[in-house]
All heavy atoms as atom14 arrays in JSON, in Angstrom:
{
  "sequence": "NAEDLLSSLKYIVKEAFTVKAVSGYGMAKAARYGISRGVFSNEAGLGS",
  "atom14_mask": [
    [1, 1, 1, 1, 1, 1, 1, 1, 0, 0, 0, 0, 0, 0],
    [1, 1, 1, 1, 1, 0, 0, 0, 0, 0, 0, 0, 0, 0],
    [1, 1, 1, 1, 1, 1, 1, 1, 1, 0, 0, 0, 0, 0],
    [1, 1, 1, 1, 1, 1, 1, 1, 0, 0, 0, 0, 0, 0],
    [1, 1, 1, 1, 1, 1, 1, 1, 0, 0, 0, 0, 0, 0],
    [1, 1, 1, 1, 1, 1, 1, 1, 0, 0, 0, 0, 0, 0],
    [1, 1, 1, 1, 1, 1, 0, 0, 0, 0, 0, 0, 0, 0],
    [1, 1, 1, 1, 1, 1, 0, 0, 0, 0, 0, 0, 0, 0],
    [1, 1, 1, 1, 1, 1, 1, 1, 0, 0, 0, 0, 0, 0],
    [1, 1, 1, 1, 1, 1, 1, 1, 1, 0, 0, 0, 0, 0],
    [1, 1, 1, 1, 1, 1, 1, 1, 1, 1, 1, 1, 0, 0],
    [1, 1, 1, 1, 1, 1, 1, 1, 0, 0, 0, 0, 0, 0],
    [1, 1, 1, 1, 1, 1, 1, 0, 0, 0, 0, 0, 0, 0],
    [1, 1, 1, 1, 1, 1, 1, 1, 1, 0, 0, 0, 0, 0],
    [1, 1, 1, 1, 1, 1, 1, 1, 1, 0, 0, 0, 0, 0],
    [1, 1, 1, 1, 1, 0, 0, 0, 0, 0, 0, 0, 0, 0],
    [1, 1, 1, 1, 1, 1, 1, 1, 1, 1, 1, 0, 0, 0],
    [1, 1, 1, 1, 1, 1, 1, 0, 0, 0, 0, 0, 0, 0],
    [1, 1, 1, 1, 1, 1, 1, 0, 0, 0, 0, 0, 0, 0],
    [1, 1, 1, 1, 1, 1, 1, 1, 1, 0, 0, 0, 0, 0],
    [1, 1, 1, 1, 1, 0, 0, 0, 0, 0, 0, 0, 0, 0],
    [1, 1, 1, 1, 1, 1, 1, 0, 0, 0, 0, 0, 0, 0],
    [1, 1, 1, 1, 1, 1, 0, 0, 0, 0, 0, 0, 0, 0],
    [1, 1, 1, 1, 0, 0, 0, 0, 0, 0, 0, 0, 0, 0],
    [1, 1, 1, 1, 1, 1, 1, 1, 1, 1, 1, 1, 0, 0],
    [1, 1, 1, 1, 0, 0, 0, 0, 0, 0, 0, 0, 0, 0],
    [1, 1, 1, 1, 1, 1, 1, 1, 0, 0, 0, 0, 0, 0],
    [1, 1, 1, 1, 1, 0, 0, 0, 0, 0, 0, 0, 0, 0],
    [1, 1, 1, 1, 1, 1, 1, 1, 1, 0, 0, 0, 0, 0],
    [1, 1, 1, 1, 1, 0, 0, 0, 0, 0, 0, 0, 0, 0],
    [1, 1, 1, 1, 1, 0, 0, 0, 0, 0, 0, 0, 0, 0],
    [1, 1, 1, 1, 1, 1, 1, 1, 1, 1, 1, 0, 0, 0],
    [1, 1, 1, 1, 1, 1, 1, 1, 1, 1, 1, 1, 0, 0],
    [1, 1, 1, 1, 0, 0, 0, 0, 0, 0, 0, 0, 0, 0],
    [1, 1, 1, 1, 1, 1, 1, 1, 0, 0, 0, 0, 0, 0],
    [1, 1, 1, 1, 1, 1, 0, 0, 0, 0, 0, 0, 0, 0],
    [1, 1, 1, 1, 1, 1, 1, 1, 1, 1, 1, 0, 0, 0],
    [1, 1, 1, 1, 0, 0, 0, 0, 0, 0, 0, 0, 0, 0],
    [1, 1, 1, 1, 1, 1, 1, 0, 0, 0, 0, 0, 0, 0],
    [1, 1, 1, 1, 1, 1, 1, 1, 1, 1, 1, 0, 0, 0],
    [1, 1, 1, 1, 1, 1, 0, 0, 0, 0, 0, 0, 0, 0],
    [1, 1, 1, 1, 1, 1, 1, 1, 0, 0, 0, 0, 0, 0],
    [1, 1, 1, 1, 1, 1, 1, 1, 1, 0, 0, 0, 0, 0],
    [1, 1, 1, 1, 1, 0, 0, 0, 0, 0, 0, 0, 0, 0],
    [1, 1, 1, 1, 0, 0, 0, 0, 0, 0, 0, 0, 0, 0],
    [1, 1, 1, 1, 1, 1, 1, 1, 0, 0, 0, 0, 0, 0],
    [1, 1, 1, 1, 0, 0, 0, 0, 0, 0, 0, 0, 0, 0],
    [1, 1, 1, 1, 1, 1, 0, 0, 0, 0, 0, 0, 0, 0]
  ],
  "atom14_positions": [
    [[9.32, 13.56, -35.47], [10.26, 14.6, -35.01], [11.67, 14.31, -35.54], [12.66, 14.55, -34.84], [10.27, 14.65, -33.48], [8.89, 14.88, -32.89], [8.37, 15.97, -32.92], [8.3, 13.82, -32.34], [0.0, 0.0, 0.0], [0.0, 0.0, 0.0], [0.0, 0.0, 0.0], [0.0, 0.0, 0.0], [0.0, 0.0, 0.0], [0.0, 0.0, 0.0]],
    [[11.73, 13.78, -36.76], [13.01, 13.32, -37.33], [14.06, 14.42, -37.4], [15.26, 14.16, -37.3], [12.77, 12.73, -38.72], [0.0, 0.0, 0.0], [0.0, 0.0, 0.0], [0.0, 0.0, 0.0], [0.0, 0.0, 0.0], [0.0, 0.0, 0.0], [0.0, 0.0, 0.0], [0.0, 0.0, 0.0], [0.0, 0.0, 0.0], [0.0, 0.0, 0.0]],
    [[13.61, 15.68, -37.56], [14.56, 16.78, -37.68], [15.35, 17.01, -36.39], [16.41, 17.64, -36.39], [13.84, 18.08, -38.08], [12.88, 18.64, -37.02], [11.5, 18.0, -37.05], [11.31, 17.05, -37.83], [10.62, 18.46, -36.28], [0.0, 0.0, 0.0], [0.0, 0.0, 0.0], [0.0, 0.0, 0.0], [0.0, 0.0, 0.0], [0.0, 0.0, 0.0]],
    [[14.82, 16.48, -35.27], [15.5, 16.65, -33.98], [16.32, 15.42, -33.59], [16.97, 15.43, -32.53], [14.47, 16.92, -32.88], [13.72, 18.22, -33.1], [14.36, 19.2, -33.51], [12.49, 18.25, -32.88], [0.0, 0.0, 0.0], [0.0, 0.0, 0.0], [0.0, 0.0, 0.0], [0.0, 0.0, 0.0], [0.0, 0.0, 0.0], [0.0, 0.0, 0.0]],
    [[16.32, 14.38, -34.41], [17.01, 13.14, -34.04], [18.51, 13.33, -33.95], [19.14, 12.93, -32.96], [16.68, 12.03, -35.05], [17.35, 10.68, -34.78], [16.96, 10.14, -33.4], [16.97, 9.66, -35.86], [0.0, 0.0, 0.0], [0.0, 0.0, 0.0], [0.0, 0.0, 0.0], [0.0, 0.0, 0.0], [0.0, 0.0, 0.0], [0.0, 0.0, 0.0]],
    [[19.12, 13.93, -34.95], [20.58, 14.09, -34.96], [21.04, 14.96, -33.8], [22.02, 14.64, -33.12], [21.03, 14.71, -36.29], [22.55, 14.83, -36.48], [23.2, 13.45, -36.39], [22.87, 15.48, -37.83], [0.0, 0.0, 0.0], [0.0, 0.0, 0.0], [0.0, 0.0, 0.0], [0.0, 0.0, 0.0], [0.0, 0.0, 0.0], [0.0, 0.0, 0.0]],
    [[20.32, 16.05, -33.54], [20.71, 16.93, -32.43], [20.55, 16.22, -31.08], [21.33, 16.43, -30.16], [19.87, 18.21, -32.46], [18.49, 17.91, -32.33], [0.0, 0.0, 0.0], [0.0, 0.0, 0.0], [0.0, 0.0, 0.0], [0.0, 0.0, 0.0], [0.0, 0.0, 0.0], [0.0, 0.0, 0.0], [0.0, 0.0, 0.0], [0.0, 0.0, 0.0]],
    [[19.55, 15.34, -30.98], [19.34, 14.58, -29.75], [20.48, 13.6, -29.52], [20.96, 13.44, -28.39], [18.01, 13.83, -29.81], [16.92, 14.71, -29.86], [0.0, 0.0, 0.0], [0.0, 0.0, 0.0], [0.0, 0.0, 0.0], [0.0, 0.0, 0.0], [0.0, 0.0, 0.0], [0.0, 0.0, 0.0], [0.0, 0.0, 0.0], [0.0, 0.0, 0.0]],
    [[20.93, 12.94, -30.59], [22.05, 12.0, -30.47], [23.33, 12.73, -30.07], [24.11, 12.24, -29.25], [22.25, 11.26, -31.8], [21.11, 10.31, -32.22], [21.38, 9.73, -33.59], [20.93, 9.2, -31.2], [0.0, 0.0, 0.0], [0.0, 0.0, 0.0], [0.0, 0.0, 0.0], [0.0, 0.0, 0.0], [0.0, 0.0, 0.0], [0.0, 0.0, 0.0]],
    [[23.55, 13.91, -30.66], [24.73, 14.71, -30.3], [24.65, 15.15, -28.84], [25.65, 15.16, -28.12], [24.83, 15.94, -31.2], [25.22, 15.64, -32.64], [25.29, 16.92, -33.46], [25.7, 16.63, -34.89], [25.73, 17.87, -35.72], [0.0, 0.0, 0.0], [0.0, 0.0, 0.0], [0.0, 0.0, 0.0], [0.0, 0.0, 0.0], [0.0, 0.0, 0.0]],
    [[23.45, 15.48, -28.42], [23.21, 15.91, -27.04], [23.55, 14.78, -26.06], [24.16, 15.01, -25.01], [21.75, 16.34, -26.9], [21.41, 17.1, -25.65], [22.38, 17.75, -24.89], [20.08, 17.2, -25.23], [22.04, 18.46, -23.75], [19.73, 17.91, -24.08], [20.72, 18.54, -23.35], [20.38, 19.24, -22.23], [0.0, 0.0, 0.0], [0.0, 0.0, 0.0]],
    [[23.16, 13.56, -26.42], [23.44, 12.39, -25.57], [24.94, 12.21, -25.37], [25.43, 12.05, -24.25], [22.83, 11.12, -26.2], [21.3, 11.14, -26.08], [23.38, 9.86, -25.52], [20.61, 10.03, -26.84], [0.0, 0.0, 0.0], [0.0, 0.0, 0.0], [0.0, 0.0, 0.0], [0.0, 0.0, 0.0], [0.0, 0.0, 0.0], [0.0, 0.0, 0.0]],
    [[25.7, 12.24, -26.48], [27.16, 12.03, -26.41], [27.83, 13.17, -25.66], [28.72, 12.96, -24.82], [27.74, 11.88, -27.83], [29.26, 11.75, -27.77], [27.14, 10.67, -28.52], [0.0, 0.0, 0.0], [0.0, 0.0, 0.0], [0.0, 0.0, 0.0], [0.0, 0.0, 0.0], [0.0, 0.0, 0.0], [0.0, 0.0, 0.0], [0.0, 0.0, 0.0]],
    [[27.41, 14.41, -25.96], [28.01, 15.58, -25.31], [27.82, 15.52, -23.8], [28.76, 15.73, -23.02], [27.4, 16.85, -25.88], [27.95, 18.13, -25.24], [27.21, 19.35, -25.76], [27.68, 20.62, -25.04], [26.94, 21.82, -25.49], [0.0, 0.0, 0.0], [0.0, 0.0, 0.0], [0.0, 0.0, 0.0], [0.0, 0.0, 0.0], [0.0, 0.0, 0.0]],
    [[26.58, 15.24, -23.36], [26.27, 15.21, -21.93], [26.96, 14.05, -21.21], [27.21, 14.12, -20.01], [24.77, 15.12, -21.72], [24.0, 16.39, -22.07], [24.14, 17.45, -21.0], [23.85, 17.16, -19.84], [24.55, 18.57, -21.34], [0.0, 0.0, 0.0], [0.0, 0.0, 0.0], [0.0, 0.0, 0.0], [0.0, 0.0, 0.0], [0.0, 0.0, 0.0]],
    [[27.26, 12.98, -21.96], [27.89, 11.81, -21.35], [29.3, 12.11, -20.87], [29.81, 11.45, -19.95], [27.91, 10.65, -22.34], [0.0, 0.0, 0.0], [0.0, 0.0, 0.0], [0.0, 0.0, 0.0], [0.0, 0.0, 0.0], [0.0, 0.0, 0.0], [0.0, 0.0, 0.0], [0.0, 0.0, 0.0], [0.0, 0.0, 0.0], [0.0, 0.0, 0.0]],
    [[29.97, 13.11, -21.5], [31.37, 13.39, -21.18], [31.58, 14.81, -20.66], [32.71, 15.25, -20.51], [32.24, 13.16, -22.41], [32.26, 11.73, -22.86], [31.47, 11.31, -23.91], [33.06, 10.8, -22.22], [31.48, 9.98, -24.33], [33.08, 9.47, -22.62], [32.28, 9.05, -23.69], [0.0, 0.0, 0.0], [0.0, 0.0, 0.0], [0.0, 0.0, 0.0]],
    [[30.49, 15.53, -20.37], [30.62, 16.87, -19.82], [30.86, 16.77, -18.32], [30.06, 16.16, -17.6], [29.34, 17.69, -20.08], [29.13, 17.77, -21.49], [29.48, 19.1, -19.52], [0.0, 0.0, 0.0], [0.0, 0.0, 0.0], [0.0, 0.0, 0.0], [0.0, 0.0, 0.0], [0.0, 0.0, 0.0], [0.0, 0.0, 0.0], [0.0, 0.0, 0.0]],
    [[31.97, 17.34, -17.87], [32.33, 17.23, -16.45], [31.28, 17.91, -15.59], [30.78, 17.35, -14.62], [33.72, 17.85, -16.19], [34.04, 17.8, -14.7], [34.78, 17.12, -16.99], [0.0, 0.0, 0.0], [0.0, 0.0, 0.0], [0.0, 0.0, 0.0], [0.0, 0.0, 0.0], [0.0, 0.0, 0.0], [0.0, 0.0, 0.0], [0.0, 0.0, 0.0]],
    [[30.91, 19.12, -15.94], [29.85, 19.81, -15.21], [28.98, 20.55, -16.22], [29.33, 21.64, -16.67], [30.41, 20.78, -14.18], [29.32, 21.34, -13.26], [29.91, 22.12, -12.11], [28.78, 22.61, -11.17], [29.34, 23.38, -10.02], [0.0, 0.0, 0.0], [0.0, 0.0, 0.0], [0.0, 0.0, 0.0], [0.0, 0.0, 0.0], [0.0, 0.0, 0.0]],
    [[27.87, 19.95, -16.56], [27.01, 20.51, -17.59], [26.23, 21.7, -17.05], [25.97, 21.81, -15.85], [26.03, 19.45, -18.1], [0.0, 0.0, 0.0], [0.0, 0.0, 0.0], [0.0, 0.0, 0.0], [0.0, 0.0, 0.0], [0.0, 0.0, 0.0], [0.0, 0.0, 0.0], [0.0, 0.0, 0.0], [0.0, 0.0, 0.0], [0.0, 0.0, 0.0]],
    [[25.86, 22.6, -17.96], [25.05, 23.75, -17.6], [23.71, 23.3, -17.03], [23.13, 23.91, -16.15], [24.83, 24.67, -18.83], [23.92, 25.85, -18.46], [26.16, 25.17, -19.37], [0.0, 0.0, 0.0], [0.0, 0.0, 0.0], [0.0, 0.0, 0.0], [0.0, 0.0, 0.0], [0.0, 0.0, 0.0], [0.0, 0.0, 0.0], [0.0, 0.0, 0.0]],
    [[23.22, 22.16, -17.55], [21.93, 21.63, -17.12], [21.95, 21.15, -15.67], [20.91, 20.92, -15.06], [21.51, 20.46, -18.02], [22.48, 19.43, -17.94], [0.0, 0.0, 0.0], [0.0, 0.0, 0.0], [0.0, 0.0, 0.0], [0.0, 0.0, 0.0], [0.0, 0.0, 0.0], [0.0, 0.0, 0.0], [0.0, 0.0, 0.0], [0.0, 0.0, 0.0]],
    [[23.17, 20.97, -15.11], [23.26, 20.52, -13.73], [23.47, 19.04, -13.59], [23.55, 18.52, -12.49], [0.0, 0.0, 0.0], [0.0, 0.0, 0.0], [0.0, 0.0, 0.0], [0.0, 0.0, 0.0], [0.0, 0.0, 0.0], [0.0, 0.0, 0.0], [0.0, 0.0, 0.0], [0.0, 0.0, 0.0], [0.0, 0.0, 0.0], [0.0, 0.0, 0.0]],
    [[23.55, 18.3, -14.71], [23.73, 16.85, -14.64], [25.21, 16.5, -14.59], [25.76, 16.17, -13.56], [23.06, 16.18, -15.84], [21.56, 16.35, -15.87], [20.92, 17.08, -16.87], [20.76, 15.78, -14.88], [19.55, 17.23, -16.88], [19.39, 15.92, -14.88], [18.78, 16.65, -15.89], [17.43, 16.8, -15.9], [0.0, 0.0, 0.0], [0.0, 0.0, 0.0]],
    [[25.9, 16.58, -15.69], [27.31, 16.26, -15.72], [27.59, 14.78, -15.87], [26.71, 13.95, -15.75], [0.0, 0.0, 0.0], [0.0, 0.0, 0.0], [0.0, 0.0, 0.0], [0.0, 0.0, 0.0], [0.0, 0.0, 0.0], [0.0, 0.0, 0.0], [0.0, 0.0, 0.0], [0.0, 0.0, 0.0], [0.0, 0.0, 0.0], [0.0, 0.0, 0.0]],
    [[28.86, 14.46, -16.11], [29.28, 13.1, -16.41], [29.03, 12.14, -15.26], [28.6, 11.0, -15.45], [30.76, 13.1, -16.79], [31.3, 11.74, -17.18], [33.02, 11.85, -17.71], [33.41, 10.12, -17.93], [0.0, 0.0, 0.0], [0.0, 0.0, 0.0], [0.0, 0.0, 0.0], [0.0, 0.0, 0.0], [0.0, 0.0, 0.0], [0.0, 0.0, 0.0]],
    [[29.3, 12.59, -14.03], [29.16, 11.7, -12.87], [27.72, 11.22, -12.71], [27.46, 10.03, -12.53], [29.63, 12.41, -11.61], [0.0, 0.0, 0.0], [0.0, 0.0, 0.0], [0.0, 0.0, 0.0], [0.0, 0.0, 0.0], [0.0, 0.0, 0.0], [0.0, 0.0, 0.0], [0.0, 0.0, 0.0], [0.0, 0.0, 0.0], [0.0, 0.0, 0.0]],
    [[26.78, 12.16, -12.78], [25.38, 11.78, -12.65], [24.92, 10.93, -13.83], [24.17, 9.97, -13.66], [24.5, 13.04, -12.55], [24.36, 13.6, -11.15], [23.26, 14.64, -11.1], [22.99, 15.09, -9.67], [21.89, 16.06, -9.59], [0.0, 0.0, 0.0], [0.0, 0.0, 0.0], [0.0, 0.0, 0.0], [0.0, 0.0, 0.0], [0.0, 0.0, 0.0]],
    [[25.36, 11.31, -15.03], [24.96, 10.56, -16.23], [25.42, 9.12, -16.12], [24.65, 8.18, -16.4], [25.55, 11.21, -17.48], [0.0, 0.0, 0.0], [0.0, 0.0, 0.0], [0.0, 0.0, 0.0], [0.0, 0.0, 0.0], [0.0, 0.0, 0.0], [0.0, 0.0, 0.0], [0.0, 0.0, 0.0], [0.0, 0.0, 0.0], [0.0, 0.0, 0.0]],
    [[26.68, 8.9, -15.71], [27.21, 7.55, -15.59], [26.49, 6.78, -14.49], [26.12, 5.61, -14.67], [28.71, 7.6, -15.31], [0.0, 0.0, 0.0], [0.0, 0.0, 0.0], [0.0, 0.0, 0.0], [0.0, 0.0, 0.0], [0.0, 0.0, 0.0], [0.0, 0.0, 0.0], [0.0, 0.0, 0.0], [0.0, 0.0, 0.0], [0.0, 0.0, 0.0]],
    [[26.27, 7.43, -13.36], [25.64, 6.76, -12.22], [24.25, 6.24, -12.58], [23.93, 5.07, -12.38], [25.55, 7.71, -11.04], [24.79, 7.15, -9.85], [24.53, 8.21, -8.8], [23.6, 7.73, -7.79], [23.06, 8.5, -6.84], [23.36, 9.77, -6.8], [22.23, 8.0, -5.97], [0.0, 0.0, 0.0], [0.0, 0.0, 0.0], [0.0, 0.0, 0.0]],
    [[23.42, 7.13, -13.11], [22.03, 6.74, -13.38], [21.91, 5.89, -14.64], [21.05, 5.01, -14.72], [21.15, 7.99, -13.48], [20.9, 8.61, -12.14], [21.6, 9.75, -11.74], [19.98, 8.07, -11.25], [21.39, 10.33, -10.49], [19.75, 8.64, -10.0], [20.47, 9.76, -9.63], [20.26, 10.32, -8.38], [0.0, 0.0, 0.0], [0.0, 0.0, 0.0]],
    [[22.77, 6.14, -15.62], [22.73, 5.33, -16.85], [23.14, 3.89, -16.6], [22.47, 2.95, -17.04], [0.0, 0.0, 0.0], [0.0, 0.0, 0.0], [0.0, 0.0, 0.0], [0.0, 0.0, 0.0], [0.0, 0.0, 0.0], [0.0, 0.0, 0.0], [0.0, 0.0, 0.0], [0.0, 0.0, 0.0], [0.0, 0.0, 0.0], [0.0, 0.0, 0.0]],
    [[24.24, 3.72, -15.86], [24.73, 2.36, -15.57], [23.73, 1.61, -14.69], [23.41, 0.45, -14.94], [26.12, 2.41, -14.91], [27.15, 2.97, -15.89], [26.55, 1.03, -14.44], [28.47, 3.34, -15.25], [0.0, 0.0, 0.0], [0.0, 0.0, 0.0], [0.0, 0.0, 0.0], [0.0, 0.0, 0.0], [0.0, 0.0, 0.0], [0.0, 0.0, 0.0]],
    [[23.23, 2.28, -13.65], [22.3, 1.61, -12.74], [21.01, 1.23, -13.46], [20.44, 0.16, -13.23], [21.98, 2.5, -11.53], [21.34, 3.69, -11.95], [0.0, 0.0, 0.0], [0.0, 0.0, 0.0], [0.0, 0.0, 0.0], [0.0, 0.0, 0.0], [0.0, 0.0, 0.0], [0.0, 0.0, 0.0], [0.0, 0.0, 0.0], [0.0, 0.0, 0.0]],
    [[20.54, 2.09, -14.37], [19.32, 1.78, -15.12], [19.56, 0.62, -16.06], [18.7, -0.26, -16.22], [18.85, 3.02, -15.89], [17.56, 2.82, -16.67], [16.46, 2.21, -15.83], [16.26, 2.92, -14.59], [15.7, 2.4, -13.52], [15.3, 1.14, -13.53], [15.55, 3.11, -12.41], [0.0, 0.0, 0.0], [0.0, 0.0, 0.0], [0.0, 0.0, 0.0]],
    [[20.74, 0.57, -16.69], [21.05, -0.54, -17.58], [21.1, -1.86, -16.84], [20.54, -2.87, -17.28], [0.0, 0.0, 0.0], [0.0, 0.0, 0.0], [0.0, 0.0, 0.0], [0.0, 0.0, 0.0], [0.0, 0.0, 0.0], [0.0, 0.0, 0.0], [0.0, 0.0, 0.0], [0.0, 0.0, 0.0], [0.0, 0.0, 0.0], [0.0, 0.0, 0.0]],
    [[21.76, -1.87, -15.67], [21.85, -3.08, -14.86], [20.48, -3.53, -14.38], [20.12, -4.71, -14.44], [22.79, -2.86, -13.65], [22.71, -4.02, -12.67], [24.22, -2.67, -14.13], [0.0, 0.0, 0.0], [0.0, 0.0, 0.0], [0.0, 0.0, 0.0], [0.0, 0.0, 0.0], [0.0, 0.0, 0.0], [0.0, 0.0, 0.0], [0.0, 0.0, 0.0]],
    [[19.67, -2.56, -13.91], [18.33, -2.9, -13.43], [17.47, -3.46, -14.56], [16.67, -4.37, -14.34], [17.66, -1.66, -12.85], [16.26, -1.9, -12.34], [16.06, -2.41, -11.06], [15.16, -1.65, -13.13], [14.77, -2.66, -10.58], [13.87, -1.89, -12.67], [13.68, -2.39, -11.4], [0.0, 0.0, 0.0], [0.0, 0.0, 0.0], [0.0, 0.0, 0.0]],
    [[17.66, -2.93, -15.76], [16.82, -3.33, -16.88], [17.15, -4.73, -17.39], [16.27, -5.58, -17.52], [16.95, -2.32, -18.02], [16.2, -2.71, -19.14], [0.0, 0.0, 0.0], [0.0, 0.0, 0.0], [0.0, 0.0, 0.0], [0.0, 0.0, 0.0], [0.0, 0.0, 0.0], [0.0, 0.0, 0.0], [0.0, 0.0, 0.0], [0.0, 0.0, 0.0]],
    [[18.43, -4.99, -17.67], [18.76, -6.28, -18.3], [19.17, -7.37, -17.32], [19.29, -8.53, -17.71], [19.87, -6.08, -19.36], [21.13, -5.47, -18.79], [21.71, -5.98, -17.85], [21.57, -4.35, -19.38], [0.0, 0.0, 0.0], [0.0, 0.0, 0.0], [0.0, 0.0, 0.0], [0.0, 0.0, 0.0], [0.0, 0.0, 0.0], [0.0, 0.0, 0.0]],
    [[19.41, -7.01, -16.05], [19.7, -7.98, -14.98], [20.99, -8.78, -15.2], [21.21, -9.8, -14.54], [18.52, -8.95, -14.8], [17.22, -8.26, -14.41], [16.02, -9.2, -14.36], [16.22, -10.42, -14.46], [14.9, -8.72, -14.21], [0.0, 0.0, 0.0], [0.0, 0.0, 0.0], [0.0, 0.0, 0.0], [0.0, 0.0, 0.0], [0.0, 0.0, 0.0]],
    [[21.85, -8.33, -16.12], [23.13, -9.01, -16.32], [23.99, -8.85, -15.07], [24.23, -7.73, -14.61], [23.85, -8.43, -17.54], [0.0, 0.0, 0.0], [0.0, 0.0, 0.0], [0.0, 0.0, 0.0], [0.0, 0.0, 0.0], [0.0, 0.0, 0.0], [0.0, 0.0, 0.0], [0.0, 0.0, 0.0], [0.0, 0.0, 0.0], [0.0, 0.0, 0.0]],
    [[24.42, -9.94, -14.52], [25.19, -9.93, -13.28], [24.4, -10.47, -12.11], [24.97, -10.89, -11.11], [0.0, 0.0, 0.0], [0.0, 0.0, 0.0], [0.0, 0.0, 0.0], [0.0, 0.0, 0.0], [0.0, 0.0, 0.0], [0.0, 0.0, 0.0], [0.0, 0.0, 0.0], [0.0, 0.0, 0.0], [0.0, 0.0, 0.0], [0.0, 0.0, 0.0]],
    [[23.07, -10.49, -12.25], [22.23, -11.06, -11.19], [22.11, -12.57, -11.31], [21.8, -13.25, -10.34], [20.83, -10.43, -11.21], [20.74, -8.92, -11.06], [19.28, -8.49, -10.96], [21.5, -8.45, -9.83], [0.0, 0.0, 0.0], [0.0, 0.0, 0.0], [0.0, 0.0, 0.0], [0.0, 0.0, 0.0], [0.0, 0.0, 0.0], [0.0, 0.0, 0.0]],
    [[22.31, -13.09, -12.51], [22.27, -14.54, -12.73], [20.88, -15.11, -12.92], [20.71, -16.31, -13.14], [0.0, 0.0, 0.0], [0.0, 0.0, 0.0], [0.0, 0.0, 0.0], [0.0, 0.0, 0.0], [0.0, 0.0, 0.0], [0.0, 0.0, 0.0], [0.0, 0.0, 0.0], [0.0, 0.0, 0.0], [0.0, 0.0, 0.0], [0.0, 0.0, 0.0]],
    [[19.86, -14.26, -12.82], [18.48, -14.74, -12.86], [18.1, -15.41, -14.18], [17.48, -16.47, -14.19], [17.5, -13.6, -12.55], [17.78, -12.47, -13.36], [0.0, 0.0, 0.0], [0.0, 0.0, 0.0], [0.0, 0.0, 0.0], [0.0, 0.0, 0.0], [0.0, 0.0, 0.0], [0.0, 0.0, 0.0], [0.0, 0.0, 0.0], [0.0, 0.0, 0.0]]
  ]
}
């Protein structure tokens, strides 16, 4: 699906900074779930 890769990357950046996206997500939700998923995944800060 290489033809959709560039548009997907643009979509990621656009949605990351959209205050209130048409999709209903927006920057606040994107940051909340993205940051929490990153922390849960790599465990940086837990010391384990």
